[in-house]
Every structure is written in structure tokens, then in C-alpha cells.
């Protein structure tokens, strides 16, 4: 099985990014140990034959790298459980492990009740509660959210639920296109990717850091724009690094290079290189907007939150670049 040891990986040529220090190996090892125990013992997340894939995800390296200011491993585990749970939903409901666009809305809605509890009549409440244990994604969501709610404020938990509803909406748009075998316009694809993206991860950087960005500061349009741009840039990183993996899998996977090639009549190579430019534009906009907000709002929690989001963006790139078990680059250079 792949180890959590550092692997170099090659950055995508021309991709604007910042190198980050190698994640603390002691923390990586401890988070990796704990998340596997949680996955196996607490939520029965996967059958034995998925073990190599679970290990190959290197989620310990990922989360330690994305949250350098987390005070303790317990704080890191809040993010790690949620990340693994989100992945289980994506795999089991949408993609690799028996997922399908057919009936996805129902599955996502019922899973969402594991994050955003159902309040129903006494007669029907027990049936809902029982359903939370009926499949791996719901077991994972329910447990990960329980830990998160204990450690976060009410507004932080509600913010997370809101961002997960956005994520689920993005999944549904992508599923609808798959069912229709439709390739959207580039701008429409990018709109979907603003919702089906990593946003729920950087948005909890304050909870993982052990502090709170107050709800009114989080909700201001300038902060929402920064968070959206961060989510968009990091998600295009995923499109670019997972490009060859998706080409090798059955069916047509929509990603930015595929959509640009189809809609703008470019070769695969030119579409990929244009996607790198789209990413770079989003990154430059993210950094410019974050700098402007930091200058305009000199509140310590705002400054720290912006640093946390930037660290998440950089850590996310580092994980994609170094996870050679999952990703390899196309031969375009």
C-alpha cells in the first residue's frame, strides 16, 4: 500500500502556485492512524478491498498540510472526518463505487439530513434516525458532523451546513448534464464548479484553528467573494491534476479542459493549457481580493481567516502535486 511518506510529484508547468513546507510527519502519522480507526471502527466506512484506495488518498498529509495553524490533532480531525465523509458521498453516490446520476437528488437529500437534522413527528422520527446508519455516506456524515458541532459555535455549524447544501446542488447540476449527455458552455461549467467545489473545506479553517470568524464578518460580500474564488481556484487544480485519471475511467468526465476543447474547438493540449490560464486568473483574483479585504478590515480574526484560506489553497495544491498514487500529468509539454 502507498505510504504517507513524502513524494515529490511534478507541478503542472506554468501553474501559478506557492510551494509549502512538507507537512509535520508526526502529525500526519497520528491523523492517518486516527482517521483509519474512525473509518473502520466508528462508521464502518468501507469494505476490506478498498483499503489500498483509502490509504492512497493520503488524507493525513492532505489535512495537516491545509491547516498549519491547527492547535491540536483533535482540531485537525474535525476537518479530516468531514473530508473523508464528503469523499464517501462523492464515491458512493456520484462516482466510482456504484454511484450514478439517476436518483442522486433523493440520496443527497437524505444524506443532507445527517448534517442538517430532520424535525418530524414522533411517529416518523425513529425511522429517520435509523436511516442515518443505513449506508456508509450517511454514517460518515452523521458522525463527522457530531464531532464538528461539539467543537464549533452554532453559527460555524450552520455556515458549514449552508456550504454543504451548495456542494450538493453542484453535484446535481453535474448529474443532470451526465443524464442528458450534455456538455455545458464553459461559463456554465465554471458556474457549476463554484458550487461543486472544495468550499466547505477552507470555510471551516477558523473552527480547525480553534477560533471563530463572526457570522457578520463571514457573510460580508467581500469575504464571500474571497472564499468563492479560493474554492474555484482549488477546484480547477483538481480538474488539472485528475485529468488523465478521469480520461482513463469509463464514460465522459466533465472537467475544464474537456469542456473548453468541446465548446471552443481546441485540441486537448490547447484546452488544457487554456485551463491552466483560467486557474491562474482565478488565483490572481483571489489574492488581490484577499489583500484588499485584509487592508480594508484590520480585524485580527479576519486577517487570520484570510491567512487560513490561503494556507488551504496552497496545501491543496501541494497534496495534488505530491499524490502520485492518484494523479499523473498528461504529456503536453
Protein backbone atom coordinates (compact mmCIF):
# COMPACT_ATOMS: atom_id res chain seq x y z
CA UNK A 1 0.00 0.00 0.00
CA UNK A 2 1.18 3.56 -0.59
CA UNK A 3 2.80 5.14 2.42
CA UNK A 4 2.33 8.61 3.86
CA UNK A 5 6.00 9.30 3.07
CA UNK A 6 6.76 12.40 1.04
CA UNK A 7 6.69 12.03 -2.71
CA UNK A 8 7.89 14.74 -5.00
CA UNK A 9 5.44 14.83 -7.88
CA UNK A 10 5.76 17.38 -10.66
CA UNK A 11 3.96 20.71 -10.56
CA UNK A 12 1.98 21.48 -13.70
CA UNK A 13 4.20 23.68 -15.89
CA UNK A 14 3.01 27.28 -15.86
CA UNK A 15 0.55 26.75 -13.00
CA UNK A 16 0.67 29.67 -10.55
CA UNK A 17 1.16 28.28 -7.04
CA UNK A 18 3.18 28.70 -3.84
CA UNK A 19 5.40 25.91 -2.53
CA UNK A 20 4.68 24.93 1.08
CA UNK A 21 6.78 23.15 3.69
CA UNK A 22 6.33 19.39 3.98
CA UNK A 23 3.51 18.67 6.50
CA UNK A 24 4.69 17.73 10.01
CA UNK A 25 5.30 13.95 9.76
CA UNK A 26 4.39 13.23 13.40
CA UNK A 27 1.01 14.92 12.98
CA UNK A 28 0.48 13.25 9.62
CA UNK A 29 1.08 9.83 11.14
CA UNK A 30 -1.24 10.45 14.07
CA UNK A 31 -4.07 11.88 11.92
CA UNK A 32 -3.67 8.95 9.49
CA UNK A 33 -3.88 6.44 12.33
CA UNK A 34 -6.91 8.09 13.91
CA UNK A 35 -8.87 8.61 10.70
CA UNK A 36 -8.45 4.97 9.72
CA UNK A 37 -9.65 3.86 13.16
CA UNK A 38 -12.67 6.16 12.83
CA UNK A 39 -13.44 4.93 9.30
CA UNK A 40 -13.23 1.26 10.27
CA UNK A 41 -14.42 1.12 13.87
CA UNK A 42 -16.83 4.03 14.27
CA UNK A 43 -18.60 4.27 10.90
CA UNK A 44 -17.73 1.04 9.00
CA UNK A 45 -16.91 3.22 6.04
CA UNK A 46 -15.51 0.76 3.52
CA UNK A 47 -15.06 -2.95 2.80
CA UNK A 48 -11.59 -4.51 3.07
CA UNK A 49 -10.86 -4.35 -0.64
CA UNK A 50 -11.00 -0.53 -0.59
CA UNK A 51 -8.18 -0.30 1.94
CA UNK A 52 -5.43 0.50 -0.54
CA UNK A 53 -7.51 3.25 -2.10
CA UNK A 54 -8.26 4.73 1.33
CA UNK A 55 -4.55 4.69 2.21
CA UNK A 56 -3.66 6.06 -1.21
CA UNK A 57 -5.80 9.14 -0.63
CA UNK A 58 -3.16 10.27 1.93
CA UNK A 59 -5.80 12.24 3.81
CA UNK A 60 -3.47 12.77 6.79
CA UNK A 61 -0.91 14.59 4.63
CA UNK A 62 -3.72 16.49 2.97
CA UNK A 63 -5.33 17.91 6.11
CA UNK A 64 -2.12 18.58 8.05
CA UNK A 65 -0.81 20.45 5.01
CA UNK A 66 -4.00 22.50 4.62
CA UNK A 67 -4.36 23.52 8.29
CA UNK A 68 -0.90 24.57 9.51
CA UNK A 69 -2.39 26.67 12.35
CA UNK A 70 -4.48 23.87 13.92
CA UNK A 71 -3.60 23.88 17.65
CA UNK A 72 -4.03 20.12 18.17
CA UNK A 73 -4.58 16.83 16.36
CA UNK A 74 -8.16 16.86 17.70
CA UNK A 75 -8.74 20.08 15.76
CA UNK A 76 -7.25 18.53 12.62
CA UNK A 77 -9.53 15.53 13.00
CA UNK A 78 -12.62 17.78 12.69
CA UNK A 79 -11.60 18.62 9.13
CA UNK A 80 -10.31 15.13 8.33
CA UNK A 81 -13.53 13.31 9.22
CA UNK A 82 -15.62 15.76 7.20
CA UNK A 83 -13.26 15.46 4.21
CA UNK A 84 -13.46 11.65 4.29
CA UNK A 85 -17.25 11.76 4.68
CA UNK A 86 -17.60 14.14 1.71
CA UNK A 87 -15.44 11.79 -0.31
CA UNK A 88 -17.59 8.80 0.63
CA UNK A 89 -20.70 10.62 -0.59
CA UNK A 90 -18.94 11.57 -3.84
CA UNK A 91 -17.69 8.00 -4.43
CA UNK A 92 -20.73 6.01 -3.36
CA UNK A 93 -23.48 8.32 -4.62
CA UNK A 94 -21.96 10.15 -7.59
CA UNK A 95 -18.95 8.34 -8.99
CA UNK A 96 -16.54 5.45 -8.63
CA UNK A 97 -18.19 2.99 -6.26
CA UNK A 98 -21.66 2.33 -7.57
CA UNK A 99 -22.62 6.00 -7.86
CA UNK A 100 -24.95 7.21 -10.62
CA UNK A 101 -26.69 10.42 -11.66
CA UNK A 102 -30.01 8.53 -11.54
CA UNK A 103 -31.86 9.18 -8.29
CA UNK A 104 -28.97 11.27 -6.95
CA UNK A 105 -31.26 14.03 -5.64
CA UNK A 106 -33.00 11.68 -3.23
CA UNK A 107 -29.74 10.19 -1.95
CA UNK A 108 -28.17 13.60 -1.40
CA UNK A 109 -31.25 15.00 0.32
CA UNK A 110 -31.42 12.09 2.76
CA UNK A 111 -27.67 12.30 3.41
CA UNK A 112 -28.02 16.05 3.98
CA UNK A 113 -30.36 15.28 6.90
CA UNK A 114 -27.33 13.73 8.63
CA UNK A 115 -25.81 17.24 8.67
CA UNK A 116 -29.00 19.27 8.99
CA UNK A 117 -31.30 17.23 11.24
CA UNK A 118 -34.88 16.35 10.39
CA UNK A 119 -37.53 17.52 12.84
CA UNK A 120 -40.61 15.45 12.23
CA UNK A 121 -43.44 13.83 14.18
CA UNK A 122 -42.94 11.31 16.94
CA UNK A 123 -44.26 8.55 14.68
CA UNK A 124 -41.70 9.12 11.92
CA UNK A 125 -38.64 10.36 13.83
CA UNK A 126 -37.35 6.83 14.69
CA UNK A 127 -37.43 5.77 11.04
CA UNK A 128 -35.33 8.79 10.08
CA UNK A 129 -32.88 8.17 12.94
CA UNK A 130 -32.49 4.56 11.84
CA UNK A 131 -31.83 5.67 8.25
CA UNK A 132 -28.74 7.61 9.37
CA UNK A 133 -26.98 4.26 9.87
CA UNK A 134 -28.19 2.66 6.65
CA UNK A 135 -25.21 3.38 4.39
CA UNK A 136 -21.58 4.45 4.67
CA UNK A 137 -22.04 8.04 3.47
CA UNK A 138 -24.79 8.75 5.99
CA UNK A 139 -22.91 7.05 8.83
CA UNK A 140 -19.84 9.14 7.99
CA UNK A 141 -21.75 12.45 7.66
CA UNK A 142 -23.64 11.88 10.91
CA UNK A 143 -20.54 11.02 12.94
CA UNK A 144 -18.26 13.69 11.44
CA UNK A 145 -20.93 16.34 11.98
CA UNK A 146 -21.48 15.27 15.59
CA UNK A 147 -17.79 15.90 16.34
CA UNK A 148 -17.88 19.20 14.45
CA UNK A 149 -20.98 20.51 16.25
CA UNK A 150 -19.37 19.75 19.62
CA UNK A 151 -16.29 21.81 18.75
CA UNK A 152 -17.84 24.69 16.79
CA UNK A 153 -20.20 27.55 17.54
CA UNK A 154 -23.80 27.43 16.31
CA UNK A 155 -23.05 29.89 13.50
CA UNK A 156 -19.95 27.93 12.39
CA UNK A 157 -22.00 24.72 12.19
CA UNK A 158 -24.75 26.49 10.29
CA UNK A 159 -22.23 28.02 7.87
CA UNK A 160 -20.91 24.54 7.15
CA UNK A 161 -24.42 23.17 6.50
CA UNK A 162 -25.05 26.01 4.08
CA UNK A 163 -21.84 25.29 2.17
CA UNK A 164 -22.67 21.59 2.02
CA UNK A 165 -26.08 22.44 0.52
CA UNK A 166 -24.18 24.42 -2.13
CA UNK A 167 -21.95 21.40 -2.77
CA UNK A 168 -24.92 19.06 -3.15
CA UNK A 169 -26.56 21.50 -5.58
CA UNK A 170 -23.39 21.43 -7.69
CA UNK A 171 -23.41 17.61 -7.70
CA UNK A 172 -26.97 17.71 -9.03
CA UNK A 173 -26.15 20.06 -11.93
CA UNK A 174 -23.27 17.81 -12.97
CA UNK A 175 -25.54 14.75 -12.70
CA UNK A 176 -28.21 16.40 -14.85
CA UNK A 177 -25.65 17.06 -17.60
CA UNK A 178 -24.47 13.44 -17.38
CA UNK A 179 -28.03 12.15 -17.72
CA UNK A 180 -28.59 14.34 -20.78
CA UNK A 181 -25.09 13.63 -22.14
CA UNK A 182 -24.77 17.41 -22.41
CA UNK A 183 -21.58 19.45 -22.44
CA UNK A 184 -22.33 22.89 -20.93
CA UNK A 185 -20.89 26.19 -22.10
CA UNK A 186 -17.56 26.99 -20.43
CA UNK A 187 -19.12 29.72 -18.29
CA UNK A 188 -21.92 27.34 -17.23
CA UNK A 189 -19.38 24.68 -16.28
CA UNK A 190 -17.50 27.25 -14.17
CA UNK A 191 -20.79 28.23 -12.50
CA UNK A 192 -21.38 24.58 -11.55
CA UNK A 193 -17.80 24.38 -10.25
CA UNK A 194 -18.41 27.33 -7.91
CA UNK A 195 -20.88 25.06 -6.12
CA UNK A 196 -19.41 21.59 -6.68
CA UNK A 197 -16.08 22.55 -5.20
CA UNK A 198 -13.83 22.47 -2.15
CA UNK A 199 -15.51 25.42 -0.47
CA UNK A 200 -16.75 23.54 2.65
CA UNK A 201 -13.09 22.79 3.49
CA UNK A 202 -11.47 26.25 3.65
CA UNK A 203 -14.69 27.71 5.08
CA UNK A 204 -14.11 25.81 8.37
CA UNK A 205 -10.50 26.98 8.75
CA UNK A 206 -11.41 29.01 11.85
CA UNK A 207 -13.03 26.08 13.67
CA UNK A 208 -9.99 23.93 12.86
CA UNK A 209 -7.78 26.80 14.06
CA UNK A 210 -9.65 26.99 17.36
CA UNK A 211 -11.18 30.47 16.91
CA UNK A 212 -14.24 32.00 15.23
CA UNK A 213 -14.71 34.46 12.40
CA UNK A 214 -18.00 36.10 13.50
CA UNK A 215 -21.01 35.41 11.27
CA UNK A 216 -21.44 39.01 10.11
CA UNK A 217 -17.77 39.22 9.05
CA UNK A 218 -18.01 35.89 7.27
CA UNK A 219 -21.18 36.97 5.45
CA UNK A 220 -19.87 40.28 4.10
CA UNK A 221 -19.80 40.22 0.28
CA UNK A 222 -16.04 40.83 0.08
CA UNK A 223 -15.35 37.78 2.26
CA UNK A 224 -17.84 35.67 0.32
CA UNK A 225 -16.07 36.64 -2.89
CA UNK A 226 -12.65 35.67 -1.46
CA UNK A 227 -13.95 32.28 -0.27
CA UNK A 228 -15.68 31.63 -3.62
CA UNK A 229 -12.53 32.47 -5.61
CA UNK A 230 -10.43 30.24 -3.33
CA UNK A 231 -12.88 27.37 -3.85
CA UNK A 232 -12.92 27.95 -7.61
CA UNK A 233 -9.13 28.04 -7.97
CA UNK A 234 -8.56 24.93 -5.82
CA UNK A 235 -11.23 23.02 -7.73
CA UNK A 236 -9.65 23.81 -11.11
CA UNK A 237 -6.38 22.47 -9.62
CA UNK A 238 -8.29 19.22 -9.09
CA UNK A 239 -9.57 19.28 -12.70
CA UNK A 240 -6.00 19.69 -13.97
CA UNK A 241 -4.25 17.09 -11.79
CA UNK A 242 -7.03 14.49 -12.15
CA UNK A 243 -7.34 14.99 -15.94
CA UNK A 244 -5.56 11.77 -17.00
CA UNK A 245 -7.23 9.75 -14.22
CA UNK A 246 -10.66 10.87 -15.48
CA UNK A 247 -9.79 10.17 -19.14
CA UNK A 248 -8.87 6.60 -18.13
CA UNK A 249 -12.16 5.97 -16.32
CA UNK A 250 -15.34 4.82 -18.11
CA UNK A 251 -17.79 7.37 -19.51
CA UNK A 252 -17.15 11.03 -20.20
CA UNK A 253 -15.99 13.02 -17.17
CA UNK A 254 -16.62 16.72 -17.43
CA UNK A 255 -13.63 18.78 -16.40
CA UNK A 256 -12.50 22.21 -17.55
CA UNK A 257 -10.09 21.02 -20.30
CA UNK A 258 -12.74 18.66 -21.73
CA UNK A 259 -15.41 21.41 -21.76
CA UNK A 260 -13.07 24.01 -23.32
CA UNK A 261 -11.93 21.53 -26.00
CA UNK A 262 -15.52 20.71 -26.91
CA UNK A 263 -17.05 24.18 -26.70
CA UNK A 264 -14.18 26.26 -28.07
CA UNK A 265 -12.96 23.80 -30.68
CA UNK A 266 -9.44 23.50 -29.27
CA UNK A 267 -7.11 20.50 -29.27
CA UNK A 268 -6.87 18.58 -26.00
CA UNK A 269 -3.45 20.13 -25.37
CA UNK A 270 -4.53 23.72 -26.09
CA UNK A 271 -7.68 23.29 -23.98
CA UNK A 272 -5.57 22.01 -21.09
CA UNK A 273 -3.12 24.90 -21.38
CA UNK A 274 -6.01 27.38 -21.52
CA UNK A 275 -7.42 25.78 -18.34
CA UNK A 276 -4.09 26.47 -16.61
CA UNK A 277 -4.56 30.15 -17.55
CA UNK A 278 -8.13 30.14 -16.20
CA UNK A 279 -6.78 28.77 -12.92
CA UNK A 280 -4.05 31.40 -12.80
CA UNK A 281 -6.57 34.20 -13.40
CA UNK A 282 -8.73 32.88 -10.54
CA UNK A 283 -5.69 32.66 -8.25
CA UNK A 284 -4.58 36.21 -9.02
CA UNK A 285 -8.12 37.47 -8.41
CA UNK A 286 -8.31 35.53 -5.15
CA UNK A 287 -5.04 37.03 -3.90
CA UNK A 288 -5.96 40.56 -4.99
CA UNK A 289 -9.40 40.40 -3.32
CA UNK A 290 -7.95 38.88 -0.14
CA UNK A 291 -5.29 41.61 0.06
CA UNK A 292 -7.91 44.32 -0.47
CA UNK A 293 -10.13 42.87 2.25
CA UNK A 294 -7.21 42.50 4.65
CA UNK A 295 -6.35 46.17 4.13
CA UNK A 296 -9.96 47.34 4.45
CA UNK A 297 -10.85 45.26 7.52
CA UNK A 298 -7.95 45.18 10.00
CA UNK A 299 -9.74 42.87 12.46
CA UNK A 300 -7.49 40.08 13.83
CA UNK A 301 -9.99 37.27 13.12
CA UNK A 302 -10.45 38.48 9.54
CA UNK A 303 -6.68 38.57 9.00
CA UNK A 304 -6.24 35.12 10.47
CA UNK A 305 -9.14 33.66 8.49
CA UNK A 306 -7.74 35.05 5.22
CA UNK A 307 -4.34 33.52 6.06
CA UNK A 308 -6.08 30.22 6.82
CA UNK A 309 -7.92 30.19 3.48
CA UNK A 310 -4.67 31.00 1.63
CA UNK A 311 -2.90 28.18 3.51
CA UNK A 312 -5.69 25.82 2.49
CA UNK A 313 -5.32 26.82 -1.17
CA UNK A 314 -1.56 26.20 -1.05
CA UNK A 315 -1.87 22.95 0.92
CA UNK A 316 -4.47 21.67 -1.54
CA UNK A 317 -2.09 22.22 -4.46
CA UNK A 318 0.75 20.54 -2.56
CA UNK A 319 -1.36 17.44 -1.92
CA UNK A 320 -2.47 17.18 -5.56
CA UNK A 321 1.08 17.65 -6.80
CA UNK A 322 2.61 15.08 -4.46
CA UNK A 323 -0.12 12.43 -4.57
CA UNK A 324 1.41 10.41 -7.39
CA UNK A 325 -0.62 7.36 -6.31
CA UNK A 326 -3.76 9.11 -7.57
CA UNK A 327 -2.56 11.57 -10.17
CA UNK A 328 -0.23 11.78 -13.14
CA UNK A 329 0.12 14.60 -15.67
CA UNK A 330 -0.72 14.43 -19.38
CA UNK A 331 2.19 14.56 -21.83
CA UNK A 332 1.52 18.08 -23.13
CA UNK A 333 4.92 19.75 -22.69
